[in-house]
Amino acid sequence: MLEKVKEDGIVTLNHLVELASYDLSKYNGRDINENGLFVVDLGRWRVNQYDWNAPAQHFWRSVIQAYSNQNYTETIREDIKGPSQEFSNHEM
């Protein structure tokens, strides 16, 4: 399940369940863009994954690297104890 919220002017996408429970494996960065996930809201994006969800971390790193042409930052959020990737699609 994906939850999309606005947080501090940033569109935030939270990956809440195991990747196997929400089949995103058929997508890649191009498909995500074509299906409108990131293009619905132009601006700053943050995608969060829990520390225990390694499949989601791998998936989102791969998608965001391809979508942003590796123009993103990653931090570890203390509140969710997992990685968070941030990028902007304002000029894409």
C-alpha atoms as a PDB file:
ATOM      1  CA  MET A   1       0.000   0.000   0.000  1.00  0.00           C
ATOM      2  CA  LEU A   2       1.234   3.471  -0.843  1.00  0.00           C
ATOM      3  CA  GLU A   3       0.240   6.560   1.074  1.00  0.00           C
ATOM      4  CA  LYS A   4       0.679   9.965  -0.567  1.00  0.00           C
ATOM      5  CA  VAL A   5       0.618  13.068   1.656  1.00  0.00           C
ATOM      6  CA  LYS A   6       1.925  16.640   1.582  1.00  0.00           C
ATOM      7  CA  GLU A   7       4.487  17.318   4.289  1.00  0.00           C
ATOM      8  CA  ASP A   8       6.267  20.675   4.582  1.00  0.00           C
ATOM      9  CA  GLY A   9       5.515  21.486   0.923  1.00  0.00           C
ATOM     10  CA  ILE A  10       6.952  18.144  -0.193  1.00  0.00           C
ATOM     11  CA  VAL A  11       4.842  15.411  -1.769  1.00  0.00           C
ATOM     12  CA  THR A  12       5.605  12.406   0.402  1.00  0.00           C
ATOM     13  CA  LEU A  13       5.080   8.821  -0.690  1.00  0.00           C
ATOM     14  CA  ASN A  14       5.192   6.256   2.115  1.00  0.00           C
ATOM     15  CA  HIS A  15       5.679   2.605   1.227  1.00  0.00           C
ATOM     16  CA  LEU A  16       3.722   0.922   4.023  1.00  0.00           C
ATOM     17  CA  VAL A  17       3.767  -2.801   3.228  1.00  0.00           C
ATOM     18  CA  GLU A  18       5.999  -5.519   1.852  1.00  0.00           C
ATOM     19  CA  LEU A  19       6.725  -5.160  -1.846  1.00  0.00           C
ATOM     20  CA  ALA A  20       5.225  -8.597  -2.477  1.00  0.00           C
ATOM     21  CA  SER A  21       1.913  -7.372  -1.030  1.00  0.00           C
ATOM     22  CA  TYR A  22       1.776  -4.461  -3.466  1.00  0.00           C
ATOM     23  CA  ASP A  23       3.061  -5.596  -6.850  1.00  0.00           C
ATOM     24  CA  LEU A  24       5.212  -2.792  -8.219  1.00  0.00           C
ATOM     25  CA  SER A  25       7.794  -5.128  -9.698  1.00  0.00           C
ATOM     26  CA  LYS A  26       6.375  -4.692 -13.217  1.00  0.00           C
ATOM     27  CA  TYR A  27       7.265  -0.991 -13.193  1.00  0.00           C
ATOM     28  CA  ASN A  28      10.507   0.818 -13.859  1.00  0.00           C
ATOM     29  CA  GLY A  29      11.279   4.529 -13.827  1.00  0.00           C
ATOM     30  CA  ARG A  30       9.876   5.083 -17.317  1.00  0.00           C
ATOM     31  CA  ASP A  31       6.622   3.272 -16.509  1.00  0.00           C
ATOM     32  CA  ILE A  32       6.171   5.171 -13.254  1.00  0.00           C
ATOM     33  CA  ASN A  33       6.478   8.441 -15.188  1.00  0.00           C
ATOM     34  CA  GLU A  34       4.143   7.299 -17.977  1.00  0.00           C
ATOM     35  CA  ASN A  35       1.540   6.161 -15.448  1.00  0.00           C
ATOM     36  CA  GLY A  36       1.618   9.551 -13.776  1.00  0.00           C
ATOM     37  CA  LEU A  37       2.772   8.667 -10.272  1.00  0.00           C
ATOM     38  CA  PHE A  38       5.326  11.463 -10.095  1.00  0.00           C
ATOM     39  CA  VAL A  39       3.928  13.813 -12.750  1.00  0.00           C
ATOM     40  CA  VAL A  40       0.626  14.389 -10.954  1.00  0.00           C
ATOM     41  CA  ASP A  41       2.378  16.774  -8.565  1.00  0.00           C
ATOM     42  CA  LEU A  42       5.345  18.752  -9.839  1.00  0.00           C
ATOM     43  CA  GLY A  43       7.836  19.910  -7.248  1.00  0.00           C
ATOM     44  CA  ARG A  44       9.733  18.277  -4.431  1.00  0.00           C
ATOM     45  CA  TRP A  45       9.177  14.598  -3.653  1.00  0.00           C
ATOM     46  CA  ARG A  46      10.153  12.367  -0.754  1.00  0.00           C
ATOM     47  CA  VAL A  47       9.765   8.584  -0.850  1.00  0.00           C
ATOM     48  CA  ASN A  48      10.029   6.751   2.491  1.00  0.00           C
ATOM     49  CA  GLN A  49      10.562   3.076   3.229  1.00  0.00           C
ATOM     50  CA  TYR A  50      10.743   1.276   6.569  1.00  0.00           C
ATOM     51  CA  ASP A  51      14.134  -0.083   7.629  1.00  0.00           C
ATOM     52  CA  TRP A  52      12.860  -3.688   7.560  1.00  0.00           C
ATOM     53  CA  ASN A  53      11.491  -3.454   3.995  1.00  0.00           C
ATOM     54  CA  ALA A  54      14.594  -4.223   1.914  1.00  0.00           C
ATOM     55  CA  PRO A  55      12.619  -5.108  -1.270  1.00  0.00           C
ATOM     56  CA  ALA A  56      10.880  -1.701  -1.213  1.00  0.00           C
ATOM     57  CA  GLN A  57      14.203   0.073  -0.591  1.00  0.00           C
ATOM     58  CA  HIS A  58      15.800  -1.669  -3.578  1.00  0.00           C
ATOM     59  CA  PHE A  59      12.772  -0.992  -5.792  1.00  0.00           C
ATOM     60  CA  TRP A  60      12.465   2.720  -4.976  1.00  0.00           C
ATOM     61  CA  ARG A  61      16.202   3.396  -5.211  1.00  0.00           C
ATOM     62  CA  SER A  62      16.193   1.855  -8.675  1.00  0.00           C
ATOM     63  CA  VAL A  63      13.074   3.749  -9.819  1.00  0.00           C
ATOM     64  CA  ILE A  64      14.222   7.092  -8.417  1.00  0.00           C
ATOM     65  CA  GLN A  65      17.747   6.730  -9.817  1.00  0.00           C
ATOM     66  CA  ALA A  66      16.303   6.122 -13.287  1.00  0.00           C
ATOM     67  CA  TYR A  67      13.547   8.754 -13.038  1.00  0.00           C
ATOM     68  CA  SER A  68      15.740  11.531 -11.628  1.00  0.00           C
ATOM     69  CA  ASN A  69      18.829  10.641 -13.677  1.00  0.00           C
ATOM     70  CA  GLN A  70      20.561  10.005 -10.323  1.00  0.00           C
ATOM     71  CA  ASN A  71      19.785  13.540  -9.151  1.00  0.00           C
ATOM     72  CA  TYR A  72      18.428  12.756  -5.672  1.00  0.00           C
ATOM     73  CA  THR A  73      19.530  12.626  -2.046  1.00  0.00           C
ATOM     74  CA  GLU A  74      19.000   9.869   0.478  1.00  0.00           C
ATOM     75  CA  THR A  75      18.837  10.201   4.236  1.00  0.00           C
ATOM     76  CA  ILE A  76      17.786   7.955   7.101  1.00  0.00           C
ATOM     77  CA  ARG A  77      14.704   9.272   8.864  1.00  0.00           C
ATOM     78  CA  GLU A  78      14.635   8.749  12.609  1.00  0.00           C
ATOM     79  CA  ASP A  79      10.833   8.763  12.802  1.00  0.00           C
ATOM     80  CA  ILE A  80      10.421   5.771  10.471  1.00  0.00           C
ATOM     81  CA  LYS A  81      13.912   4.356  10.984  1.00  0.00           C
ATOM     82  CA  GLY A  82      14.396   3.873   7.268  1.00  0.00           C
ATOM     83  CA  PRO A  83      15.711   5.503   4.114  1.00  0.00           C
ATOM     84  CA  SER A  84      14.089   8.467   2.459  1.00  0.00           C
ATOM     85  CA  GLN A  85      14.909   9.613  -1.070  1.00  0.00           C
ATOM     86  CA  GLU A  86      14.260  13.224  -2.101  1.00  0.00           C
ATOM     87  CA  PHE A  87      14.228  14.735  -5.585  1.00  0.00           C
ATOM     88  CA  SER A  88      12.478  17.397  -7.627  1.00  0.00           C
ATOM     89  CA  ASN A  89      10.578  16.840 -10.855  1.00  0.00           C
ATOM     90  CA  HIS A  90       9.781  20.522 -11.290  1.00  0.00           C
ATOM     91  CA  GLU A  91      11.941  20.836 -14.407  1.00  0.00           C
ATOM     92  CA  MET A  92      11.445  17.334 -15.831  1.00  0.00           C
END
